[in-house]
All heavy atoms as atom14 arrays in JSON, in Angstrom:
{
  "sequence": "GLQVNADGSLLDFPVLGIQTFAANLARMDLFGARV",
  "atom14_mask": [
    [1, 1, 1, 1, 0, 0, 0, 0, 0, 0, 0, 0, 0, 0],
    [1, 1, 1, 1, 1, 1, 1, 1, 0, 0, 0, 0, 0, 0],
    [1, 1, 1, 1, 1, 1, 1, 1, 1, 0, 0, 0, 0, 0],
    [1, 1, 1, 1, 1, 1, 1, 0, 0, 0, 0, 0, 0, 0],
    [1, 1, 1, 1, 1, 1, 1, 1, 0, 0, 0, 0, 0, 0],
    [1, 1, 1, 1, 1, 0, 0, 0, 0, 0, 0, 0, 0, 0],
    [1, 1, 1, 1, 1, 1, 1, 1, 0, 0, 0, 0, 0, 0],
    [1, 1, 1, 1, 0, 0, 0, 0, 0, 0, 0, 0, 0, 0],
    [1, 1, 1, 1, 1, 1, 0, 0, 0, 0, 0, 0, 0, 0],
    [1, 1, 1, 1, 1, 1, 1, 1, 0, 0, 0, 0, 0, 0],
    [1, 1, 1, 1, 1, 1, 1, 1, 0, 0, 0, 0, 0, 0],
    [1, 1, 1, 1, 1, 1, 1, 1, 0, 0, 0, 0, 0, 0],
    [1, 1, 1, 1, 1, 1, 1, 1, 1, 1, 1, 0, 0, 0],
    [1, 1, 1, 1, 1, 1, 1, 0, 0, 0, 0, 0, 0, 0],
    [1, 1, 1, 1, 1, 1, 1, 0, 0, 0, 0, 0, 0, 0],
    [1, 1, 1, 1, 1, 1, 1, 1, 0, 0, 0, 0, 0, 0],
    [1, 1, 1, 1, 0, 0, 0, 0, 0, 0, 0, 0, 0, 0],
    [1, 1, 1, 1, 1, 1, 1, 1, 0, 0, 0, 0, 0, 0],
    [1, 1, 1, 1, 1, 1, 1, 1, 1, 0, 0, 0, 0, 0],
    [1, 1, 1, 1, 1, 1, 1, 0, 0, 0, 0, 0, 0, 0],
    [1, 1, 1, 1, 1, 1, 1, 1, 1, 1, 1, 0, 0, 0],
    [1, 1, 1, 1, 1, 0, 0, 0, 0, 0, 0, 0, 0, 0],
    [1, 1, 1, 1, 1, 0, 0, 0, 0, 0, 0, 0, 0, 0],
    [1, 1, 1, 1, 1, 1, 1, 1, 0, 0, 0, 0, 0, 0],
    [1, 1, 1, 1, 1, 1, 1, 1, 0, 0, 0, 0, 0, 0],
    [1, 1, 1, 1, 1, 0, 0, 0, 0, 0, 0, 0, 0, 0],
    [1, 1, 1, 1, 1, 1, 1, 1, 1, 1, 1, 0, 0, 0],
    [1, 1, 1, 1, 1, 1, 1, 1, 0, 0, 0, 0, 0, 0],
    [1, 1, 1, 1, 1, 1, 1, 1, 0, 0, 0, 0, 0, 0],
    [1, 1, 1, 1, 1, 1, 1, 1, 0, 0, 0, 0, 0, 0],
    [1, 1, 1, 1, 1, 1, 1, 1, 1, 1, 1, 0, 0, 0],
    [1, 1, 1, 1, 0, 0, 0, 0, 0, 0, 0, 0, 0, 0],
    [1, 1, 1, 1, 1, 0, 0, 0, 0, 0, 0, 0, 0, 0],
    [1, 1, 1, 1, 1, 1, 1, 1, 1, 1, 1, 0, 0, 0],
    [1, 1, 1, 1, 1, 1, 1, 0, 0, 0, 0, 0, 0, 0]
  ],
  "atom14_positions": [
    [[21.97, 61.95, -1.91], [21.91, 62.11, -3.35], [20.52, 61.9, -3.93], [19.53, 61.75, -3.2], [0.0, 0.0, 0.0], [0.0, 0.0, 0.0], [0.0, 0.0, 0.0], [0.0, 0.0, 0.0], [0.0, 0.0, 0.0], [0.0, 0.0, 0.0], [0.0, 0.0, 0.0], [0.0, 0.0, 0.0], [0.0, 0.0, 0.0], [0.0, 0.0, 0.0]],
    [[20.46, 61.88, -5.25], [19.18, 61.81, -5.97], [19.34, 61.03, -7.26], [20.33, 61.18, -7.98], [18.68, 63.22, -6.29], [17.59, 63.35, -7.37], [16.25, 62.93, -6.78], [17.51, 64.77, -7.9], [0.0, 0.0, 0.0], [0.0, 0.0, 0.0], [0.0, 0.0, 0.0], [0.0, 0.0, 0.0], [0.0, 0.0, 0.0], [0.0, 0.0, 0.0]],
    [[18.37, 60.18, -7.55], [18.19, 59.56, -8.86], [16.72, 59.62, -9.21], [15.87, 59.19, -8.42], [18.63, 58.09, -8.84], [20.12, 57.85, -8.8], [20.44, 56.37, -8.79], [20.42, 55.71, -7.76], [20.73, 55.84, -9.96], [0.0, 0.0, 0.0], [0.0, 0.0, 0.0], [0.0, 0.0, 0.0], [0.0, 0.0, 0.0], [0.0, 0.0, 0.0]],
    [[16.4, 60.15, -10.39], [15.02, 60.17, -10.87], [15.03, 59.79, -12.34], [15.74, 60.4, -13.15], [14.36, 61.56, -10.7], [12.96, 61.56, -11.31], [14.28, 61.95, -9.23], [0.0, 0.0, 0.0], [0.0, 0.0, 0.0], [0.0, 0.0, 0.0], [0.0, 0.0, 0.0], [0.0, 0.0, 0.0], [0.0, 0.0, 0.0], [0.0, 0.0, 0.0]],
    [[14.25, 58.76, -12.69], [14.07, 58.34, -14.08], [12.6, 58.49, -14.44], [11.73, 57.95, -13.74], [14.49, 56.87, -14.27], [15.94, 56.63, -13.91], [16.76, 57.55, -13.92], [16.27, 55.4, -13.57], [0.0, 0.0, 0.0], [0.0, 0.0, 0.0], [0.0, 0.0, 0.0], [0.0, 0.0, 0.0], [0.0, 0.0, 0.0], [0.0, 0.0, 0.0]],
    [[12.31, 59.23, -15.49], [10.93, 59.45, -15.94], [10.84, 59.12, -17.42], [11.56, 59.72, -18.23], [10.48, 60.88, -15.68], [0.0, 0.0, 0.0], [0.0, 0.0, 0.0], [0.0, 0.0, 0.0], [0.0, 0.0, 0.0], [0.0, 0.0, 0.0], [0.0, 0.0, 0.0], [0.0, 0.0, 0.0], [0.0, 0.0, 0.0], [0.0, 0.0, 0.0]],
    [[9.98, 58.17, -17.76], [9.79, 57.77, -19.16], [8.5, 58.39, -19.7], [7.5, 58.5, -18.98], [9.74, 56.25, -19.27], [9.84, 55.78, -20.71], [10.96, 55.56, -21.17], [8.79, 55.65, -21.36], [0.0, 0.0, 0.0], [0.0, 0.0, 0.0], [0.0, 0.0, 0.0], [0.0, 0.0, 0.0], [0.0, 0.0, 0.0], [0.0, 0.0, 0.0]],
    [[8.55, 58.77, -20.97], [7.39, 59.4, -21.58], [6.16, 58.52, -21.64], [5.05, 59.03, -21.87], [0.0, 0.0, 0.0], [0.0, 0.0, 0.0], [0.0, 0.0, 0.0], [0.0, 0.0, 0.0], [0.0, 0.0, 0.0], [0.0, 0.0, 0.0], [0.0, 0.0, 0.0], [0.0, 0.0, 0.0], [0.0, 0.0, 0.0], [0.0, 0.0, 0.0]],
    [[6.31, 57.22, -21.43], [5.14, 56.34, -21.44], [4.17, 56.7, -20.32], [3.0, 56.31, -20.38], [5.58, 54.88, -21.31], [6.32, 54.67, -20.11], [0.0, 0.0, 0.0], [0.0, 0.0, 0.0], [0.0, 0.0, 0.0], [0.0, 0.0, 0.0], [0.0, 0.0, 0.0], [0.0, 0.0, 0.0], [0.0, 0.0, 0.0], [0.0, 0.0, 0.0]],
    [[4.64, 57.46, -19.31], [3.74, 57.94, -18.27], [2.61, 58.77, -18.86], [1.48, 58.78, -18.36], [4.51, 58.78, -17.26], [5.32, 58.05, -16.2], [6.28, 59.01, -15.54], [4.41, 57.41, -15.19], [0.0, 0.0, 0.0], [0.0, 0.0, 0.0], [0.0, 0.0, 0.0], [0.0, 0.0, 0.0], [0.0, 0.0, 0.0], [0.0, 0.0, 0.0]],
    [[2.92, 59.51, -19.93], [1.96, 60.4, -20.57], [1.54, 59.86, -21.92], [1.09, 60.63, -22.78], [2.57, 61.8, -20.72], [3.11, 62.43, -19.45], [3.77, 63.77, -19.76], [2.0, 62.61, -18.43], [0.0, 0.0, 0.0], [0.0, 0.0, 0.0], [0.0, 0.0, 0.0], [0.0, 0.0, 0.0], [0.0, 0.0, 0.0], [0.0, 0.0, 0.0]],
    [[1.67, 58.54, -22.12], [1.36, 57.92, -23.4], [2.16, 58.55, -24.53], [1.66, 58.7, -25.66], [-0.15, 58.01, -23.69], [-0.96, 57.18, -22.72], [-0.47, 56.12, -22.31], [-2.08, 57.6, -22.37], [0.0, 0.0, 0.0], [0.0, 0.0, 0.0], [0.0, 0.0, 0.0], [0.0, 0.0, 0.0], [0.0, 0.0, 0.0], [0.0, 0.0, 0.0]],
    [[3.39, 58.95, -24.23], [4.28, 59.52, -25.24], [5.66, 58.92, -25.05], [6.58, 59.55, -24.54], [4.34, 61.05, -25.09], [5.06, 61.74, -26.22], [4.54, 61.74, -27.51], [6.27, 62.39, -25.99], [5.21, 62.38, -28.53], [6.94, 63.03, -27.02], [6.4, 63.03, -28.29], [0.0, 0.0, 0.0], [0.0, 0.0, 0.0], [0.0, 0.0, 0.0]],
    [[5.84, 57.65, -25.46], [7.09, 56.94, -25.18], [8.28, 57.37, -26.02], [9.32, 56.73, -25.98], [6.71, 55.49, -25.47], [5.64, 55.57, -26.5], [4.84, 56.8, -26.17], [0.0, 0.0, 0.0], [0.0, 0.0, 0.0], [0.0, 0.0, 0.0], [0.0, 0.0, 0.0], [0.0, 0.0, 0.0], [0.0, 0.0, 0.0], [0.0, 0.0, 0.0]],
    [[8.15, 58.46, -26.77], [9.25, 58.92, -27.61], [10.4, 59.46, -26.77], [11.57, 59.26, -27.1], [8.75, 60.0, -28.6], [9.92, 60.55, -29.42], [7.69, 59.42, -29.52], [0.0, 0.0, 0.0], [0.0, 0.0, 0.0], [0.0, 0.0, 0.0], [0.0, 0.0, 0.0], [0.0, 0.0, 0.0], [0.0, 0.0, 0.0], [0.0, 0.0, 0.0]],
    [[10.08, 60.13, -25.66], [11.1, 60.8, -24.87], [11.17, 60.26, -23.45], [10.2, 59.68, -22.95], [10.82, 62.31, -24.81], [10.87, 63.08, -26.13], [10.49, 64.54, -25.89], [12.25, 62.99, -26.75], [0.0, 0.0, 0.0], [0.0, 0.0, 0.0], [0.0, 0.0, 0.0], [0.0, 0.0, 0.0], [0.0, 0.0, 0.0], [0.0, 0.0, 0.0]],
    [[12.32, 60.48, -22.82], [12.5, 60.13, -21.42], [13.7, 60.86, -20.86], [14.48, 61.47, -21.61], [0.0, 0.0, 0.0], [0.0, 0.0, 0.0], [0.0, 0.0, 0.0], [0.0, 0.0, 0.0], [0.0, 0.0, 0.0], [0.0, 0.0, 0.0], [0.0, 0.0, 0.0], [0.0, 0.0, 0.0], [0.0, 0.0, 0.0], [0.0, 0.0, 0.0]],
    [[13.86, 60.82, -19.55], [14.98, 61.51, -18.91], [15.44, 60.72, -17.7], [14.65, 60.09, -17.0], [14.59, 62.95, -18.5], [15.81, 63.72, -18.02], [13.5, 62.95, -17.45], [15.58, 65.21, -17.81], [0.0, 0.0, 0.0], [0.0, 0.0, 0.0], [0.0, 0.0, 0.0], [0.0, 0.0, 0.0], [0.0, 0.0, 0.0], [0.0, 0.0, 0.0]],
    [[16.76, 60.75, -17.46], [17.39, 60.22, -16.25], [18.15, 61.37, -15.6], [18.91, 62.07, -16.28], [18.36, 59.09, -16.57], [17.77, 57.88, -17.27], [18.85, 56.93, -17.73], [19.57, 57.19, -18.68], [18.97, 55.8, -17.04], [0.0, 0.0, 0.0], [0.0, 0.0, 0.0], [0.0, 0.0, 0.0], [0.0, 0.0, 0.0], [0.0, 0.0, 0.0]],
    [[17.95, 61.59, -14.3], [18.67, 62.65, -13.6], [19.42, 62.09, -12.41], [19.08, 61.02, -11.89], [17.7, 63.76, -13.12], [16.78, 63.19, -12.18], [16.93, 64.36, -14.28], [0.0, 0.0, 0.0], [0.0, 0.0, 0.0], [0.0, 0.0, 0.0], [0.0, 0.0, 0.0], [0.0, 0.0, 0.0], [0.0, 0.0, 0.0], [0.0, 0.0, 0.0]],
    [[20.44, 62.83, -11.99], [21.34, 62.33, -10.96], [21.96, 63.51, -10.23], [22.31, 64.53, -10.84], [22.42, 61.47, -11.61], [23.71, 61.42, -10.84], [23.88, 60.52, -9.8], [24.75, 62.28, -11.16], [25.07, 60.5, -9.09], [25.95, 62.25, -10.45], [26.09, 61.35, -9.42], [0.0, 0.0, 0.0], [0.0, 0.0, 0.0], [0.0, 0.0, 0.0]],
    [[22.08, 63.42, -8.91], [22.84, 64.38, -8.11], [23.5, 63.61, -6.97], [22.86, 62.79, -6.32], [21.94, 65.48, -7.55], [0.0, 0.0, 0.0], [0.0, 0.0, 0.0], [0.0, 0.0, 0.0], [0.0, 0.0, 0.0], [0.0, 0.0, 0.0], [0.0, 0.0, 0.0], [0.0, 0.0, 0.0], [0.0, 0.0, 0.0], [0.0, 0.0, 0.0]],
    [[24.78, 63.87, -6.74], [25.52, 63.12, -5.73], [25.28, 63.66, -4.33], [25.3, 62.9, -3.36], [27.02, 63.15, -6.04], [0.0, 0.0, 0.0], [0.0, 0.0, 0.0], [0.0, 0.0, 0.0], [0.0, 0.0, 0.0], [0.0, 0.0, 0.0], [0.0, 0.0, 0.0], [0.0, 0.0, 0.0], [0.0, 0.0, 0.0], [0.0, 0.0, 0.0]],
    [[25.06, 64.97, -4.2], [24.96, 65.6, -2.89], [24.02, 66.79, -3.0], [24.42, 67.88, -3.42], [26.35, 66.04, -2.42], [26.35, 66.61, -1.02], [25.31, 66.71, -0.37], [27.51, 67.01, -0.55], [0.0, 0.0, 0.0], [0.0, 0.0, 0.0], [0.0, 0.0, 0.0], [0.0, 0.0, 0.0], [0.0, 0.0, 0.0], [0.0, 0.0, 0.0]],
    [[22.75, 66.6, -2.63], [21.77, 67.66, -2.77], [22.06, 68.85, -1.87], [21.58, 69.96, -2.13], [20.36, 67.12, -2.47], [19.76, 66.19, -3.52], [18.38, 65.71, -3.06], [19.65, 66.89, -4.87], [0.0, 0.0, 0.0], [0.0, 0.0, 0.0], [0.0, 0.0, 0.0], [0.0, 0.0, 0.0], [0.0, 0.0, 0.0], [0.0, 0.0, 0.0]],
    [[22.82, 68.66, -0.81], [23.12, 69.76, 0.1], [24.03, 70.79, -0.55], [24.01, 71.97, -0.19], [23.78, 69.23, 1.37], [0.0, 0.0, 0.0], [0.0, 0.0, 0.0], [0.0, 0.0, 0.0], [0.0, 0.0, 0.0], [0.0, 0.0, 0.0], [0.0, 0.0, 0.0], [0.0, 0.0, 0.0], [0.0, 0.0, 0.0], [0.0, 0.0, 0.0]],
    [[24.83, 70.37, -1.55], [25.76, 71.29, -2.22], [25.53, 71.4, -3.72], [25.96, 72.38, -4.33], [27.21, 70.82, -1.98], [27.69, 70.96, -0.55], [29.17, 70.62, -0.46], [29.97, 71.42, -1.4], [30.48, 72.61, -1.1], [30.26, 73.14, 0.09], [31.22, 73.26, -1.98], [0.0, 0.0, 0.0], [0.0, 0.0, 0.0], [0.0, 0.0, 0.0]],
    [[24.9, 70.4, -4.32], [24.74, 70.35, -5.77], [26.08, 70.59, -6.48], [26.18, 71.35, -7.44], [23.7, 71.36, -6.23], [22.28, 70.97, -5.89], [21.78, 69.38, -6.62], [21.78, 69.78, -8.37], [0.0, 0.0, 0.0], [0.0, 0.0, 0.0], [0.0, 0.0, 0.0], [0.0, 0.0, 0.0], [0.0, 0.0, 0.0], [0.0, 0.0, 0.0]],
    [[27.11, 69.9, -6.0], [28.43, 70.05, -6.62], [28.62, 69.09, -7.78], [29.36, 69.38, -8.72], [29.53, 69.85, -5.57], [29.39, 68.52, -4.84], [28.25, 68.12, -4.57], [30.43, 67.9, -4.52], [0.0, 0.0, 0.0], [0.0, 0.0, 0.0], [0.0, 0.0, 0.0], [0.0, 0.0, 0.0], [0.0, 0.0, 0.0], [0.0, 0.0, 0.0]],
    [[27.95, 67.94, -7.74], [28.1, 66.94, -8.79], [26.72, 66.45, -9.2], [25.99, 65.87, -8.4], [28.95, 65.76, -8.27], [29.1, 64.56, -9.2], [29.74, 64.95, -10.52], [29.92, 63.46, -8.52], [0.0, 0.0, 0.0], [0.0, 0.0, 0.0], [0.0, 0.0, 0.0], [0.0, 0.0, 0.0], [0.0, 0.0, 0.0], [0.0, 0.0, 0.0]],
    [[26.34, 66.71, -10.45], [25.01, 66.32, -10.9], [25.03, 66.2, -12.42], [25.96, 66.66, -13.11], [23.95, 67.35, -10.47], [24.21, 68.75, -10.96], [23.67, 69.2, -12.15], [25.0, 69.61, -10.22], [23.91, 70.48, -12.61], [25.25, 70.9, -10.67], [24.69, 71.34, -11.86], [0.0, 0.0, 0.0], [0.0, 0.0, 0.0], [0.0, 0.0, 0.0]],
    [[23.97, 65.58, -12.96], [23.89, 65.41, -14.41], [22.57, 64.83, -14.82], [21.7, 64.53, -14.0], [0.0, 0.0, 0.0], [0.0, 0.0, 0.0], [0.0, 0.0, 0.0], [0.0, 0.0, 0.0], [0.0, 0.0, 0.0], [0.0, 0.0, 0.0], [0.0, 0.0, 0.0], [0.0, 0.0, 0.0], [0.0, 0.0, 0.0], [0.0, 0.0, 0.0]],
    [[22.4, 64.65, -16.12], [21.16, 64.11, -16.66], [21.41, 63.52, -18.04], [22.38, 63.87, -18.72], [20.08, 65.18, -16.74], [0.0, 0.0, 0.0], [0.0, 0.0, 0.0], [0.0, 0.0, 0.0], [0.0, 0.0, 0.0], [0.0, 0.0, 0.0], [0.0, 0.0, 0.0], [0.0, 0.0, 0.0], [0.0, 0.0, 0.0], [0.0, 0.0, 0.0]],
    [[20.52, 62.63, -18.42], [20.51, 62.08, -19.77], [19.09, 62.2, -20.31], [18.13, 61.73, -19.7], [20.93, 60.61, -19.78], [20.79, 59.94, -21.16], [21.23, 58.48, -21.1], [21.13, 57.81, -22.39], [20.17, 56.96, -22.73], [19.2, 56.66, -21.85], [20.16, 56.39, -23.91], [0.0, 0.0, 0.0], [0.0, 0.0, 0.0], [0.0, 0.0, 0.0]],
    [[18.96, 62.84, -21.46], [17.69, 62.92, -22.17], [17.78, 61.98, -23.36], [18.77, 62.01, -24.1], [17.4, 64.36, -22.63], [16.08, 64.42, -23.37], [17.39, 65.31, -21.45], [0.0, 0.0, 0.0], [0.0, 0.0, 0.0], [0.0, 0.0, 0.0], [0.0, 0.0, 0.0], [0.0, 0.0, 0.0], [0.0, 0.0, 0.0], [0.0, 0.0, 0.0]]
  ]
}
């Protein structure tokens, strides 16, 4: 699977961020994100 969290503070822009998720990258049957 996959989890990636990226916050806008990386680019000195803390207004936005994203969290992503995938349970099984081999099939991409279950995945999602939060902005």
